[in-house]
Amino acid sequence: GRTTGNYAMGWFRQAPGKEREFVTAINWSDGGTLYTDSVKGRFTI
């Protein structure tokens, strides 16, 4: 599909009995990233 303008893609996760939580995301325009603290150094988007 087509998305115009600025957008980002991210990953969330949800374990049984837990709330959904943010994992990581990346800006499509410049590649800038965000990570939750628990995955820094282990996960790469």
ModelCIF file with pLDDT and N, C-alpha, C, O atoms, coordinates in Angstrom:
data_MODEL
#
_entry.id   MODEL 
#
_entity.id                         1 
_entity.type                       polymer 
_entity.pdbx_number_of_molecules   1 
#
_entity_poly.entity_id                      1 
_entity_poly.type                           'polypeptide(L)' 
_entity_poly.nstd_linkage                   no 
_entity_poly.nstd_monomer                   no 
_entity_poly.pdbx_seq_one_letter_code       GRTTGNYAMGWFRQAPGKEREFVTAINWSDGGTLYTDSVKGRFTI 
_entity_poly.pdbx_seq_one_letter_code_can   GRTTGNYAMGWFRQAPGKEREFVTAINWSDGGTLYTDSVKGRFTI 
_entity_poly.pdbx_strand_id                 A 
#
loop_
_entity_poly_seq.entity_id 
_entity_poly_seq.num 
_entity_poly_seq.mon_id 
_entity_poly_seq.hetero 
1 1  GLY n 
1 2  ARG n 
1 3  THR n 
1 4  THR n 
1 5  GLY n 
1 6  ASN n 
1 7  TYR n 
1 8  ALA n 
1 9  MET n 
1 10 GLY n 
1 11 TRP n 
1 12 PHE n 
1 13 ARG n 
1 14 GLN n 
1 15 ALA n 
1 16 PRO n 
1 17 GLY n 
1 18 LYS n 
1 19 GLU n 
1 20 ARG n 
1 21 GLU n 
1 22 PHE n 
1 23 VAL n 
1 24 THR n 
1 25 ALA n 
1 26 ILE n 
1 27 ASN n 
1 28 TRP n 
1 29 SER n 
1 30 ASP n 
1 31 GLY n 
1 32 GLY n 
1 33 THR n 
1 34 LEU n 
1 35 TYR n 
1 36 THR n 
1 37 ASP n 
1 38 SER n 
1 39 VAL n 
1 40 LYS n 
1 41 GLY n 
1 42 ARG n 
1 43 PHE n 
1 44 THR n 
1 45 ILE n 
#
_struct_asym.id          A 
_struct_asym.entity_id   1 
#
loop_
_ma_qa_metric.id 
_ma_qa_metric.mode 
_ma_qa_metric.name 
_ma_qa_metric.software_group_id 
_ma_qa_metric.type 
1 global pLDDT . pLDDT 
2 local  pLDDT . pLDDT 
#
_ma_qa_metric_global.metric_id      1 
_ma_qa_metric_global.metric_value   93.53 
_ma_qa_metric_global.model_id       1 
_ma_qa_metric_global.ordinal_id     1 
#
loop_
_ma_qa_metric_local.label_asym_id 
_ma_qa_metric_local.label_comp_id 
_ma_qa_metric_local.label_seq_id 
_ma_qa_metric_local.metric_id 
_ma_qa_metric_local.metric_value 
_ma_qa_metric_local.model_id 
_ma_qa_metric_local.ordinal_id 
A GLY 1  2 82.00 1 1  
A ARG 2  2 71.00 1 2  
A THR 3  2 70.00 1 3  
A THR 4  2 70.00 1 4  
A GLY 5  2 77.00 1 5  
A ASN 6  2 88.00 1 6  
A TYR 7  2 91.00 1 7  
A ALA 8  2 95.00 1 8  
A MET 9  2 95.00 1 9  
A GLY 10 2 96.00 1 10 
A TRP 11 2 98.00 1 11 
A PHE 12 2 98.00 1 12 
A ARG 13 2 98.00 1 13 
A GLN 14 2 98.00 1 14 
A ALA 15 2 97.00 1 15 
A PRO 16 2 92.00 1 16 
A GLY 17 2 94.00 1 17 
A LYS 18 2 96.00 1 18 
A GLU 19 2 96.00 1 19 
A ARG 20 2 96.00 1 20 
A GLU 21 2 97.00 1 21 
A PHE 22 2 98.00 1 22 
A VAL 23 2 98.00 1 23 
A THR 24 2 98.00 1 24 
A ALA 25 2 98.00 1 25 
A ILE 26 2 97.00 1 26 
A ASN 27 2 95.00 1 27 
A TRP 28 2 92.00 1 28 
A SER 29 2 90.00 1 29 
A ASP 30 2 91.00 1 30 
A GLY 31 2 94.00 1 31 
A GLY 32 2 96.00 1 32 
A THR 33 2 97.00 1 33 
A LEU 34 2 97.00 1 34 
A TYR 35 2 98.00 1 35 
A THR 36 2 97.00 1 36 
A ASP 37 2 97.00 1 37 
A SER 38 2 97.00 1 38 
A VAL 39 2 98.00 1 39 
A LYS 40 2 97.00 1 40 
A GLY 41 2 97.00 1 41 
A ARG 42 2 98.00 1 42 
A PHE 43 2 98.00 1 43 
A THR 44 2 98.00 1 44 
A ILE 45 2 98.00 1 45 
#
loop_
_atom_site.group_PDB 
_atom_site.id 
_atom_site.type_symbol 
_atom_site.label_atom_id 
_atom_site.label_alt_id 
_atom_site.label_comp_id 
_atom_site.label_asym_id 
_atom_site.label_entity_id 
_atom_site.label_seq_id 
_atom_site.pdbx_PDB_ins_code 
_atom_site.Cartn_x 
_atom_site.Cartn_y 
_atom_site.Cartn_z 
_atom_site.occupancy 
_atom_site.B_iso_or_equiv 
_atom_site.pdbx_formal_charge 
_atom_site.auth_seq_id 
_atom_site.auth_comp_id 
_atom_site.auth_asym_id 
_atom_site.auth_atom_id 
_atom_site.pdbx_PDB_model_num 
ATOM 1   N N  . GLY A 1 1  ? 0.822  -1.194  0.000  1.00 82.00 ? 1  GLY A N  1 
ATOM 2   C CA . GLY A 1 1  ? 0.000  0.000   0.000  1.00 82.00 ? 1  GLY A CA 1 
ATOM 3   C C  . GLY A 1 1  ? 0.860  1.248   0.000  1.00 82.00 ? 1  GLY A C  1 
ATOM 4   O O  . GLY A 1 1  ? 2.084  1.174   0.106  1.00 82.00 ? 1  GLY A O  1 
ATOM 5   N N  . ARG A 1 2  ? 0.224  2.368   -0.117 1.00 71.00 ? 2  ARG A N  1 
ATOM 6   C CA . ARG A 1 2  ? 0.919  3.645   -0.245 1.00 71.00 ? 2  ARG A CA 1 
ATOM 7   C C  . ARG A 1 2  ? 0.661  4.521   0.964  1.00 71.00 ? 2  ARG A C  1 
ATOM 8   O O  . ARG A 1 2  ? -0.487 4.768   1.336  1.00 71.00 ? 2  ARG A O  1 
ATOM 9   N N  . THR A 1 3  ? 1.724  4.982   1.566  1.00 70.00 ? 3  THR A N  1 
ATOM 10  C CA . THR A 1 3  ? 1.655  5.960   2.646  1.00 70.00 ? 3  THR A CA 1 
ATOM 11  C C  . THR A 1 3  ? 2.481  7.166   2.251  1.00 70.00 ? 3  THR A C  1 
ATOM 12  O O  . THR A 1 3  ? 3.672  7.040   1.967  1.00 70.00 ? 3  THR A O  1 
ATOM 13  N N  . THR A 1 4  ? 1.870  8.316   2.231  1.00 70.00 ? 4  THR A N  1 
ATOM 14  C CA . THR A 1 4  ? 2.548  9.545   1.850  1.00 70.00 ? 4  THR A CA 1 
ATOM 15  C C  . THR A 1 4  ? 2.980  10.325  3.073  1.00 70.00 ? 4  THR A C  1 
ATOM 16  O O  . THR A 1 4  ? 2.465  10.128  4.173  1.00 70.00 ? 4  THR A O  1 
ATOM 17  N N  . GLY A 1 5  ? 3.930  11.208  2.863  1.00 77.00 ? 5  GLY A N  1 
ATOM 18  C CA . GLY A 1 5  ? 4.428  12.023  3.941  1.00 77.00 ? 5  GLY A CA 1 
ATOM 19  C C  . GLY A 1 5  ? 5.351  11.246  4.866  1.00 77.00 ? 5  GLY A C  1 
ATOM 20  O O  . GLY A 1 5  ? 5.864  10.188  4.500  1.00 77.00 ? 5  GLY A O  1 
ATOM 21  N N  . ASN A 1 6  ? 5.557  11.770  6.049  1.00 88.00 ? 6  ASN A N  1 
ATOM 22  C CA . ASN A 1 6  ? 6.428  11.133  7.021  1.00 88.00 ? 6  ASN A CA 1 
ATOM 23  C C  . ASN A 1 6  ? 5.710  9.985   7.724  1.00 88.00 ? 6  ASN A C  1 
ATOM 24  O O  . ASN A 1 6  ? 4.548  10.119  8.108  1.00 88.00 ? 6  ASN A O  1 
ATOM 25  N N  . TYR A 1 7  ? 6.395  8.863   7.893  1.00 91.00 ? 7  TYR A N  1 
ATOM 26  C CA . TYR A 1 7  ? 5.816  7.737   8.611  1.00 91.00 ? 7  TYR A CA 1 
ATOM 27  C C  . TYR A 1 7  ? 6.904  6.921   9.276  1.00 91.00 ? 7  TYR A C  1 
ATOM 28  O O  . TYR A 1 7  ? 8.089  7.059   8.970  1.00 91.00 ? 7  TYR A O  1 
ATOM 29  N N  . ALA A 1 8  ? 6.477  6.071   10.190 1.00 95.00 ? 8  ALA A N  1 
ATOM 30  C CA . ALA A 1 8  ? 7.388  5.217   10.931 1.00 95.00 ? 8  ALA A CA 1 
ATOM 31  C C  . ALA A 1 8  ? 6.820  3.816   11.010 1.00 95.00 ? 8  ALA A C  1 
ATOM 32  O O  . ALA A 1 8  ? 5.608  3.618   10.926 1.00 95.00 ? 8  ALA A O  1 
ATOM 33  N N  . MET A 1 9  ? 7.711  2.843   11.172 1.00 95.00 ? 9  MET A N  1 
ATOM 34  C CA . MET A 1 9  ? 7.305  1.467   11.396 1.00 95.00 ? 9  MET A CA 1 
ATOM 35  C C  . MET A 1 9  ? 7.913  0.993   12.706 1.00 95.00 ? 9  MET A C  1 
ATOM 36  O O  . MET A 1 9  ? 9.068  1.282   13.016 1.00 95.00 ? 9  MET A O  1 
ATOM 37  N N  . GLY A 1 10 ? 7.117  0.265   13.460 1.00 96.00 ? 10 GLY A N  1 
ATOM 38  C CA . GLY A 1 10 ? 7.569  -0.164  14.768 1.00 96.00 ? 10 GLY A CA 1 
ATOM 39  C C  . GLY A 1 10 ? 7.145  -1.573  15.106 1.00 96.00 ? 10 GLY A C  1 
ATOM 40  O O  . GLY A 1 10 ? 6.347  -2.197  14.407 1.00 96.00 ? 10 GLY A O  1 
ATOM 41  N N  . TRP A 1 11 ? 7.710  -2.058  16.215 1.00 98.00 ? 11 TRP A N  1 
ATOM 42  C CA . TRP A 1 11 ? 7.389  -3.369  16.753 1.00 98.00 ? 11 TRP A CA 1 
ATOM 43  C C  . TRP A 1 11 ? 6.886  -3.221  18.176 1.00 98.00 ? 11 TRP A C  1 
ATOM 44  O O  . TRP A 1 11 ? 7.483  -2.518  18.991 1.00 98.00 ? 11 TRP A O  1 
ATOM 45  N N  . PHE A 1 12 ? 5.788  -3.888  18.463 1.00 98.00 ? 12 PHE A N  1 
ATOM 46  C CA . PHE A 1 12 ? 5.244  -4.007  19.803 1.00 98.00 ? 12 PHE A CA 1 
ATOM 47  C C  . PHE A 1 12 ? 5.151  -5.482  20.152 1.00 98.00 ? 12 PHE A C  1 
ATOM 48  O O  . PHE A 1 12 ? 5.208  -6.337  19.268 1.00 98.00 ? 12 PHE A O  1 
ATOM 49  N N  . ARG A 1 13 ? 5.009  -5.784  21.435 1.00 98.00 ? 13 ARG A N  1 
ATOM 50  C CA . ARG A 1 13 ? 4.852  -7.171  21.840 1.00 98.00 ? 13 ARG A CA 1 
ATOM 51  C C  . ARG A 1 13 ? 3.877  -7.268  22.997 1.00 98.00 ? 13 ARG A C  1 
ATOM 52  O O  . ARG A 1 13 ? 3.707  -6.327  23.772 1.00 98.00 ? 13 ARG A O  1 
ATOM 53  N N  . GLN A 1 14 ? 3.242  -8.423  23.097 1.00 98.00 ? 14 GLN A N  1 
ATOM 54  C CA . GLN A 1 14 ? 2.299  -8.662  24.171 1.00 98.00 ? 14 GLN A CA 1 
ATOM 55  C C  . GLN A 1 14 ? 2.417  -10.101 24.643 1.00 98.00 ? 14 GLN A C  1 
ATOM 56  O O  . GLN A 1 14 ? 2.219  -11.038 23.870 1.00 98.00 ? 14 GLN A O  1 
ATOM 57  N N  . ALA A 1 15 ? 2.738  -10.264 25.910 1.00 97.00 ? 15 ALA A N  1 
ATOM 58  C CA . ALA A 1 15 ? 2.814  -11.571 26.530 1.00 97.00 ? 15 ALA A CA 1 
ATOM 59  C C  . ALA A 1 15 ? 1.476  -11.898 27.188 1.00 97.00 ? 15 ALA A C  1 
ATOM 60  O O  . ALA A 1 15 ? 0.710  -10.989 27.509 1.00 97.00 ? 15 ALA A O  1 
ATOM 61  N N  . PRO A 1 16 ? 1.184  -13.185 27.392 1.00 92.00 ? 16 PRO A N  1 
ATOM 62  C CA . PRO A 1 16 ? -0.072 -13.561 28.052 1.00 92.00 ? 16 PRO A CA 1 
ATOM 63  C C  . PRO A 1 16 ? -0.215 -12.893 29.413 1.00 92.00 ? 16 PRO A C  1 
ATOM 64  O O  . PRO A 1 16 ? 0.698  -12.944 30.237 1.00 92.00 ? 16 PRO A O  1 
ATOM 65  N N  . GLY A 1 17 ? -1.358 -12.270 29.641 1.00 94.00 ? 17 GLY A N  1 
ATOM 66  C CA . GLY A 1 17 ? -1.614 -11.611 30.903 1.00 94.00 ? 17 GLY A CA 1 
ATOM 67  C C  . GLY A 1 17 ? -0.928 -10.275 31.081 1.00 94.00 ? 17 GLY A C  1 
ATOM 68  O O  . GLY A 1 17 ? -1.024 -9.671  32.149 1.00 94.00 ? 17 GLY A O  1 
ATOM 69  N N  . LYS A 1 18 ? -0.243 -9.804  30.066 1.00 96.00 ? 18 LYS A N  1 
ATOM 70  C CA . LYS A 1 18 ? 0.480  -8.540  30.138 1.00 96.00 ? 18 LYS A CA 1 
ATOM 71  C C  . LYS A 1 18 ? -0.094 -7.541  29.147 1.00 96.00 ? 18 LYS A C  1 
ATOM 72  O O  . LYS A 1 18 ? -0.754 -7.911  28.176 1.00 96.00 ? 18 LYS A O  1 
ATOM 73  N N  . GLU A 1 19 ? 0.170  -6.279  29.411 1.00 96.00 ? 19 GLU A N  1 
ATOM 74  C CA . GLU A 1 19 ? -0.224 -5.236  28.478 1.00 96.00 ? 19 GLU A CA 1 
ATOM 75  C C  . GLU A 1 19 ? 0.732  -5.201  27.297 1.00 96.00 ? 19 GLU A C  1 
ATOM 76  O O  . GLU A 1 19 ? 1.893  -5.595  27.403 1.00 96.00 ? 19 GLU A O  1 
ATOM 77  N N  . ARG A 1 20 ? 0.226  -4.724  26.180 1.00 96.00 ? 20 ARG A N  1 
ATOM 78  C CA . ARG A 1 20 ? 1.075  -4.555  25.018 1.00 96.00 ? 20 ARG A CA 1 
ATOM 79  C C  . ARG A 1 20 ? 2.121  -3.482  25.299 1.00 96.00 ? 20 ARG A C  1 
ATOM 80  O O  . ARG A 1 20 ? 1.810  -2.440  25.875 1.00 96.00 ? 20 ARG A O  1 
ATOM 81  N N  . GLU A 1 21 ? 3.351  -3.739  24.893 1.00 97.00 ? 21 GLU A N  1 
ATOM 82  C CA . GLU A 1 21 ? 4.421  -2.791  25.146 1.00 97.00 ? 21 GLU A CA 1 
ATOM 83  C C  . GLU A 1 21 ? 5.212  -2.497  23.881 1.00 97.00 ? 21 GLU A C  1 
ATOM 84  O O  . GLU A 1 21 ? 5.333  -3.328  22.981 1.00 97.00 ? 21 GLU A O  1 
ATOM 85  N N  . PHE A 1 22 ? 5.737  -1.302  23.850 1.00 98.00 ? 22 PHE A N  1 
ATOM 86  C CA . PHE A 1 22 ? 6.595  -0.870  22.759 1.00 98.00 ? 22 PHE A CA 1 
ATOM 87  C C  . PHE A 1 22 ? 7.925  -1.592  22.813 1.00 98.00 ? 22 PHE A C  1 
ATOM 88  O O  . PHE A 1 22 ? 8.474  -1.815  23.892 1.00 98.00 ? 22 PHE A O  1 
ATOM 89  N N  . VAL A 1 23 ? 8.447  -1.960  21.647 1.00 98.00 ? 23 VAL A N  1 
ATOM 90  C CA . VAL A 1 23 ? 9.764  -2.579  21.557 1.00 98.00 ? 23 VAL A CA 1 
ATOM 91  C C  . VAL A 1 23 ? 10.745 -1.652  20.848 1.00 98.00 ? 23 VAL A C  1 
ATOM 92  O O  . VAL A 1 23 ? 11.769 -1.270  21.415 1.00 98.00 ? 23 VAL A O  1 
ATOM 93  N N  . THR A 1 24 ? 10.427 -1.292  19.605 1.00 98.00 ? 24 THR A N  1 
ATOM 94  C CA . THR A 1 24 ? 11.323 -0.457  18.817 1.00 98.00 ? 24 THR A CA 1 
ATOM 95  C C  . THR A 1 24 ? 10.569 0.114   17.632 1.00 98.00 ? 24 THR A C  1 
ATOM 96  O O  . THR A 1 24 ? 9.521  -0.404  17.246 1.00 98.00 ? 24 THR A O  1 
ATOM 97  N N  . ALA A 1 25 ? 11.101 1.178   17.055 1.00 98.00 ? 25 ALA A N  1 
ATOM 98  C CA . ALA A 1 25 ? 10.511 1.780   15.868 1.00 98.00 ? 25 ALA A CA 1 
ATOM 99  C C  . ALA A 1 25 ? 11.586 2.507   15.080 1.00 98.00 ? 25 ALA A C  1 
ATOM 100 O O  . ALA A 1 25 ? 12.642 2.847   15.612 1.00 98.00 ? 25 ALA A O  1 
ATOM 101 N N  . ILE A 1 26 ? 11.302 2.741   13.803 1.00 97.00 ? 26 ILE A N  1 
ATOM 102 C CA . ILE A 1 26 ? 12.249 3.406   12.922 1.00 97.00 ? 26 ILE A CA 1 
ATOM 103 C C  . ILE A 1 26 ? 11.508 4.392   12.029 1.00 97.00 ? 26 ILE A C  1 
ATOM 104 O O  . ILE A 1 26 ? 10.442 4.083   11.497 1.00 97.00 ? 26 ILE A O  1 
ATOM 105 N N  . ASN A 1 27 ? 12.080 5.576   11.872 1.00 95.00 ? 27 ASN A N  1 
ATOM 106 C CA . ASN A 1 27 ? 11.544 6.556   10.935 1.00 95.00 ? 27 ASN A CA 1 
ATOM 107 C C  . ASN A 1 27 ? 11.966 6.187   9.523  1.00 95.00 ? 27 ASN A C  1 
ATOM 108 O O  . ASN A 1 27 ? 13.138 5.909   9.266  1.00 95.00 ? 27 ASN A O  1 
ATOM 109 N N  . TRP A 1 28 ? 11.002 6.187   8.609  1.00 92.00 ? 28 TRP A N  1 
ATOM 110 C CA . TRP A 1 28 ? 11.323 5.822   7.237  1.00 92.00 ? 28 TRP A CA 1 
ATOM 111 C C  . TRP A 1 28 ? 12.170 6.863   6.537  1.00 92.00 ? 28 TRP A C  1 
ATOM 112 O O  . TRP A 1 28 ? 12.966 6.526   5.661  1.00 92.00 ? 28 TRP A O  1 
ATOM 113 N N  . SER A 1 29 ? 12.014 8.107   6.907  1.00 90.00 ? 29 SER A N  1 
ATOM 114 C CA . SER A 1 29 ? 12.697 9.182   6.205  1.00 90.00 ? 29 SER A CA 1 
ATOM 115 C C  . SER A 1 29 ? 14.190 9.227   6.487  1.00 90.00 ? 29 SER A C  1 
ATOM 116 O O  . SER A 1 29 ? 14.987 9.378   5.561  1.00 90.00 ? 29 SER A O  1 
ATOM 117 N N  . ASP A 1 30 ? 14.581 9.100   7.745  1.00 91.00 ? 30 ASP A N  1 
ATOM 118 C CA . ASP A 1 30 ? 15.985 9.272   8.097  1.00 91.00 ? 30 ASP A CA 1 
ATOM 119 C C  . ASP A 1 30 ? 16.609 8.080   8.815  1.00 91.00 ? 30 ASP A C  1 
ATOM 120 O O  . ASP A 1 30 ? 17.802 8.101   9.118  1.00 91.00 ? 30 ASP A O  1 
ATOM 121 N N  . GLY A 1 31 ? 15.827 7.048   9.089  1.00 94.00 ? 31 GLY A N  1 
ATOM 122 C CA . GLY A 1 31 ? 16.359 5.872   9.754  1.00 94.00 ? 31 GLY A CA 1 
ATOM 123 C C  . GLY A 1 31 ? 16.546 6.004   11.246 1.00 94.00 ? 31 GLY A C  1 
ATOM 124 O O  . GLY A 1 31 ? 17.098 5.100   11.874 1.00 94.00 ? 31 GLY A O  1 
ATOM 125 N N  . GLY A 1 32 ? 16.106 7.097   11.831 1.00 96.00 ? 32 GLY A N  1 
ATOM 126 C CA . GLY A 1 32 ? 16.210 7.264   13.266 1.00 96.00 ? 32 GLY A CA 1 
ATOM 127 C C  . GLY A 1 32 ? 15.407 6.208   14.005 1.00 96.00 ? 32 GLY A C  1 
ATOM 128 O O  . GLY A 1 32 ? 14.336 5.808   13.549 1.00 96.00 ? 32 GLY A O  1 
ATOM 129 N N  . THR A 1 33 ? 15.915 5.755   15.142 1.00 97.00 ? 33 THR A N  1 
ATOM 130 C CA . THR A 1 33 ? 15.316 4.627   15.850 1.00 97.00 ? 33 THR A CA 1 
ATOM 131 C C  . THR A 1 33 ? 15.008 4.956   17.303 1.00 97.00 ? 33 THR A C  1 
ATOM 132 O O  . THR A 1 33 ? 15.595 5.861   17.896 1.00 97.00 ? 33 THR A O  1 
ATOM 133 N N  . LEU A 1 34 ? 14.071 4.198   17.856 1.00 97.00 ? 34 LEU A N  1 
ATOM 134 C CA . LEU A 1 34 ? 13.740 4.200   19.270 1.00 97.00 ? 34 LEU A CA 1 
ATOM 135 C C  . LEU A 1 34 ? 13.743 2.760   19.762 1.00 97.00 ? 34 LEU A C  1 
ATOM 136 O O  . LEU A 1 34 ? 13.342 1.853   19.033 1.00 97.00 ? 34 LEU A O  1 
ATOM 137 N N  . TYR A 1 35 ? 14.197 2.546   21.000 1.00 98.00 ? 35 TYR A N  1 
ATOM 138 C CA . TYR A 1 35 ? 14.189 1.230   21.617 1.00 98.00 ? 35 TYR A CA 1 
ATOM 139 C C  . TYR A 1 35 ? 13.713 1.335   23.049 1.00 98.00 ? 35 TYR A C  1 
ATOM 140 O O  . TYR A 1 35 ? 13.990 2.320   23.734 1.00 98.00 ? 35 TYR A O  1 
ATOM 141 N N  . THR A 1 36 ? 13.002 0.330   23.496 1.00 97.00 ? 36 THR A N  1 
ATOM 142 C CA . THR A 1 36 ? 12.724 0.228   24.915 1.00 97.00 ? 36 THR A CA 1 
ATOM 143 C C  . THR A 1 36 ? 13.980 -0.264  25.623 1.00 97.00 ? 36 THR A C  1 
ATOM 144 O O  . THR A 1 36 ? 14.778 -1.000  25.041 1.00 97.00 ? 36 THR A O  1 
ATOM 145 N N  . ASP A 1 37 ? 14.156 0.140   26.874 1.00 97.00 ? 37 ASP A N  1 
ATOM 146 C CA . ASP A 1 37 ? 15.407 -0.126  27.570 1.00 97.00 ? 37 ASP A CA 1 
ATOM 147 C C  . ASP A 1 37 ? 15.746 -1.612  27.660 1.00 97.00 ? 37 ASP A C  1 
ATOM 148 O O  . ASP A 1 37 ? 16.919 -1.982  27.605 1.00 97.00 ? 37 ASP A O  1 
ATOM 149 N N  . SER A 1 38 ? 14.749 -2.450  27.796 1.00 97.00 ? 38 SER A N  1 
ATOM 150 C CA . SER A 1 38 ? 14.996 -3.868  28.031 1.00 97.00 ? 38 SER A CA 1 
ATOM 151 C C  . SER A 1 38 ? 15.609 -4.593  26.836 1.00 97.00 ? 38 SER A C  1 
ATOM 152 O O  . SER A 1 38 ? 16.114 -5.704  26.994 1.00 97.00 ? 38 SER A O  1 
ATOM 153 N N  . VAL A 1 39 ? 15.577 -3.995  25.648 1.00 98.00 ? 39 VAL A N  1 
ATOM 154 C CA . VAL A 1 39 ? 16.112 -4.666  24.469 1.00 98.00 ? 39 VAL A CA 1 
ATOM 155 C C  . VAL A 1 39 ? 17.336 -3.969  23.893 1.00 98.00 ? 39 VAL A C  1 
ATOM 156 O O  . VAL A 1 39 ? 17.933 -4.463  22.936 1.00 98.00 ? 39 VAL A O  1 
ATOM 157 N N  . LYS A 1 40 ? 17.714 -2.844  24.453 1.00 97.00 ? 40 LYS A N  1 
ATOM 158 C CA . LYS A 1 40 ? 18.880 -2.130  23.942 1.00 97.00 ? 40 LYS A CA 1 
ATOM 159 C C  . LYS A 1 40 ? 20.129 -2.999  24.039 1.00 97.00 ? 40 LYS A C  1 
ATOM 160 O O  . LYS A 1 40 ? 20.392 -3.615  25.072 1.00 97.00 ? 40 LYS A O  1 
ATOM 161 N N  . GLY A 1 41 ? 20.889 -3.040  22.959 1.00 97.00 ? 41 GLY A N  1 
ATOM 162 C CA . GLY A 1 41 ? 22.076 -3.864  22.910 1.00 97.00 ? 41 GLY A CA 1 
ATOM 163 C C  . GLY A 1 41 ? 21.832 -5.286  22.479 1.00 97.00 ? 41 GLY A C  1 
ATOM 164 O O  . GLY A 1 41 ? 22.783 -6.014  22.196 1.00 97.00 ? 41 GLY A O  1 
ATOM 165 N N  . ARG A 1 42 ? 20.574 -5.706  22.421 1.00 98.00 ? 42 ARG A N  1 
ATOM 166 C CA . ARG A 1 42 ? 20.234 -7.067  22.006 1.00 98.00 ? 42 ARG A CA 1 
ATOM 167 C C  . ARG A 1 42 ? 19.432 -7.100  20.713 1.00 98.00 ? 42 ARG A C  1 
ATOM 168 O O  . ARG A 1 42 ? 19.624 -7.985  19.880 1.00 98.00 ? 42 ARG A O  1 
ATOM 169 N N  . PHE A 1 43 ? 18.532 -6.133  20.546 1.00 98.00 ? 43 PHE A N  1 
ATOM 170 C CA . PHE A 1 43 ? 17.660 -6.080  19.374 1.00 98.00 ? 43 PHE A CA 1 
ATOM 171 C C  . PHE A 1 43 ? 18.103 -4.944  18.464 1.00 98.00 ? 43 PHE A C  1 
ATOM 172 O O  . PHE A 1 43 ? 18.579 -3.910  18.934 1.00 98.00 ? 43 PHE A O  1 
ATOM 173 N N  . THR A 1 44 ? 17.943 -5.142  17.165 1.00 98.00 ? 44 THR A N  1 
ATOM 174 C CA . THR A 1 44 ? 18.252 -4.114  16.185 1.00 98.00 ? 44 THR A CA 1 
ATOM 175 C C  . THR A 1 44 ? 17.152 -4.049  15.143 1.00 98.00 ? 44 THR A C  1 
ATOM 176 O O  . THR A 1 44 ? 16.803 -5.062  14.538 1.00 98.00 ? 44 THR A O  1 
ATOM 177 N N  . ILE A 1 45 ? 16.606 -2.860  14.933 1.00 98.00 ? 45 ILE A N  1 
ATOM 178 C CA . ILE A 1 45 ? 15.618 -2.667  13.890 1.00 98.00 ? 45 ILE A CA 1 
ATOM 179 C C  . ILE A 1 45 ? 16.304 -2.077  12.666 1.00 98.00 ? 45 ILE A C  1 
ATOM 180 O O  . ILE A 1 45 ? 15.651 -1.829  11.652 1.00 98.00 ? 45 ILE A O  1 
#
